[in-house]
C-alpha atoms as a PDB file:
ATOM      1  CA  UNK A   1      14.415 -18.407   3.237  1.00  0.00           C
ATOM      2  CA  UNK A   2      11.521 -20.686   4.047  1.00  0.00           C
ATOM      3  CA  UNK A   3       8.520 -21.161   1.468  1.00  0.00           C
ATOM      4  CA  UNK A   4       6.083 -19.474   4.022  1.00  0.00           C
ATOM      5  CA  UNK A   5       8.318 -16.261   4.623  1.00  0.00           C
ATOM      6  CA  UNK A   6       8.875 -16.103   0.513  1.00  0.00           C
ATOM      7  CA  UNK A   7       4.969 -16.030   0.186  1.00  0.00           C
ATOM      8  CA  UNK A   8       4.640 -13.377   2.643  1.00  0.00           C
ATOM      9  CA  UNK A   9       7.416 -11.251   1.248  1.00  0.00           C
ATOM     10  CA  UNK A  10       5.884 -11.526  -2.197  1.00  0.00           C
ATOM     11  CA  UNK A  11       2.449 -10.544  -0.706  1.00  0.00           C
ATOM     12  CA  UNK A  12       3.885  -7.435   0.697  1.00  0.00           C
ATOM     13  CA  UNK A  13       5.538  -6.634  -2.565  1.00  0.00           C
ATOM     14  CA  UNK A  14       2.451  -7.114  -4.439  1.00  0.00           C
ATOM     15  CA  UNK A  15       0.417  -4.801  -2.206  1.00  0.00           C
ATOM     16  CA  UNK A  16       3.213  -2.351  -2.645  1.00  0.00           C
ATOM     17  CA  UNK A  17       2.631  -2.772  -6.508  1.00  0.00           C
ATOM     18  CA  UNK A  18      -1.206  -2.314  -6.025  1.00  0.00           C
ATOM     19  CA  UNK A  19      -0.381   0.764  -3.703  1.00  0.00           C
ATOM     20  CA  UNK A  20       1.893   2.221  -6.329  1.00  0.00           C
ATOM     21  CA  UNK A  21      -0.737   1.897  -9.011  1.00  0.00           C
ATOM     22  CA  UNK A  22      -3.332   3.662  -6.925  1.00  0.00           C
ATOM     23  CA  UNK A  23      -0.857   6.554  -6.551  1.00  0.00           C
ATOM     24  CA  UNK A  24       0.150   6.634 -10.135  1.00  0.00           C
ATOM     25  CA  UNK A  25      -3.593   6.582 -11.266  1.00  0.00           C
ATOM     26  CA  UNK A  26      -4.177   9.664  -9.090  1.00  0.00           C
ATOM     27  CA  UNK A  27      -1.963  11.439 -11.128  1.00  0.00           C
ATOM     28  CA  UNK A  28      -3.424  10.901 -14.575  1.00  0.00           C
ATOM     29  CA  UNK A  29      -5.907  13.787 -15.256  1.00  0.00           C
ATOM     30  CA  UNK A  30      -9.201  12.748 -16.755  1.00  0.00           C
ATOM     31  CA  UNK A  31      -9.041   9.132 -15.397  1.00  0.00           C
ATOM     32  CA  UNK A  32     -12.637   8.277 -14.585  1.00  0.00           C
ATOM     33  CA  UNK A  33     -12.627   7.130 -10.966  1.00  0.00           C
ATOM     34  CA  UNK A  34     -15.562   4.830 -11.900  1.00  0.00           C
ATOM     35  CA  UNK A  35     -13.682   2.375 -14.292  1.00  0.00           C
ATOM     36  CA  UNK A  36     -13.518  -1.005 -13.027  1.00  0.00           C
ATOM     37  CA  UNK A  37      -9.519  -0.940 -12.685  1.00  0.00           C
ATOM     38  CA  UNK A  38      -9.682   2.076 -10.650  1.00  0.00           C
ATOM     39  CA  UNK A  39     -12.569   1.044  -8.370  1.00  0.00           C
ATOM     40  CA  UNK A  40     -10.377  -2.240  -7.627  1.00  0.00           C
ATOM     41  CA  UNK A  41      -7.267  -0.355  -6.724  1.00  0.00           C
ATOM     42  CA  UNK A  42      -9.321   2.005  -4.521  1.00  0.00           C
ATOM     43  CA  UNK A  43     -11.002  -1.108  -2.806  1.00  0.00           C
ATOM     44  CA  UNK A  44      -7.902  -3.021  -1.991  1.00  0.00           C
ATOM     45  CA  UNK A  45      -5.972   0.370  -0.784  1.00  0.00           C
ATOM     46  CA  UNK A  46      -8.483   2.158   1.101  1.00  0.00           C
ATOM     47  CA  UNK A  47      -8.706   0.291   4.076  1.00  0.00           C
ATOM     48  CA  UNK A  48      -4.997   0.991   4.700  1.00  0.00           C
ATOM     49  CA  UNK A  49      -4.796   4.687   3.225  1.00  0.00           C
ATOM     50  CA  UNK A  50      -8.330   5.954   5.141  1.00  0.00           C
ATOM     51  CA  UNK A  51      -7.006   5.329   8.576  1.00  0.00           C
ATOM     52  CA  UNK A  52      -3.734   7.080   7.844  1.00  0.00           C
ATOM     53  CA  UNK A  53      -5.344   9.969   6.167  1.00  0.00           C
ATOM     54  CA  UNK A  54      -7.385  10.450   9.372  1.00  0.00           C
ATOM     55  CA  UNK A  55      -4.273  10.418  11.649  1.00  0.00           C
ATOM     56  CA  UNK A  56      -2.073  12.716   9.432  1.00  0.00           C
ATOM     57  CA  UNK A  57      -2.608  16.378   9.010  1.00  0.00           C
ATOM     58  CA  UNK A  58      -2.697  17.557   5.558  1.00  0.00           C
ATOM     59  CA  UNK A  59       0.779  19.237   4.857  1.00  0.00           C
ATOM     60  CA  UNK A  60       0.467  21.763   1.775  1.00  0.00           C
ATOM     61  CA  UNK A  61      -2.446  20.019   0.552  1.00  0.00           C
ATOM     62  CA  UNK A  62      -0.548  16.925  -0.316  1.00  0.00           C
ATOM     63  CA  UNK A  63      -1.816  13.409   1.259  1.00  0.00           C
ATOM     64  CA  UNK A  64       1.221  11.900   2.544  1.00  0.00           C
ATOM     65  CA  UNK A  65      -0.789   8.736   3.404  1.00  0.00           C
ATOM     66  CA  UNK A  66       0.729   6.428   0.737  1.00  0.00           C
ATOM     67  CA  UNK A  67       4.383   7.516   1.838  1.00  0.00           C
ATOM     68  CA  UNK A  68       3.542   6.750   5.494  1.00  0.00           C
ATOM     69  CA  UNK A  69       1.653   3.291   4.224  1.00  0.00           C
ATOM     70  CA  UNK A  70       4.923   2.397   2.020  1.00  0.00           C
ATOM     71  CA  UNK A  71       7.134   2.749   5.253  1.00  0.00           C
ATOM     72  CA  UNK A  72       4.974   1.026   7.367  1.00  0.00           C
ATOM     73  CA  UNK A  73       4.402  -1.959   4.799  1.00  0.00           C
ATOM     74  CA  UNK A  74       8.239  -2.136   4.762  1.00  0.00           C
ATOM     75  CA  UNK A  75       8.717  -2.308   8.677  1.00  0.00           C
ATOM     76  CA  UNK A  76       5.736  -4.676   9.192  1.00  0.00           C
ATOM     77  CA  UNK A  77       7.116  -6.926   6.043  1.00  0.00           C
ATOM     78  CA  UNK A  78      10.681  -6.979   7.598  1.00  0.00           C
ATOM     79  CA  UNK A  79       9.333  -7.766  10.923  1.00  0.00           C
ATOM     80  CA  UNK A  80       6.839 -10.700   9.756  1.00  0.00           C
ATOM     81  CA  UNK A  81       9.531 -12.204   7.101  1.00  0.00           C
ATOM     82  CA  UNK A  82      12.205 -12.334   9.760  1.00  0.00           C
ATOM     83  CA  UNK A  83      10.016 -13.783  12.352  1.00  0.00           C
ATOM     84  CA  UNK A  84       9.037 -16.445  10.138  1.00  0.00           C
ATOM     85  CA  UNK A  85      12.384 -16.935   8.683  1.00  0.00           C
ATOM     86  CA  UNK A  86      13.350 -17.656  12.341  1.00  0.00           C
ATOM     87  CA  UNK A  87      10.826 -20.495  12.674  1.00  0.00           C
END
């Protein structure tokens, strides 16, 4: 894989980890949402999750936007990396 494709692939992987950290932090009872780490996670992931939340109806009170975000990130990652690798 060419270096640019590897860099983009790594960036998508890193963002997926940030998204996973956001999901896991929401499961921790009593975690103060005003802590700097949680605020950073929210500021990094909310631009992706907020539009998905608006587009998706709530299913039994569950927020499925992170699941859809993971799926979309994977599809976009594969497309972009394949395009860059073909250059």
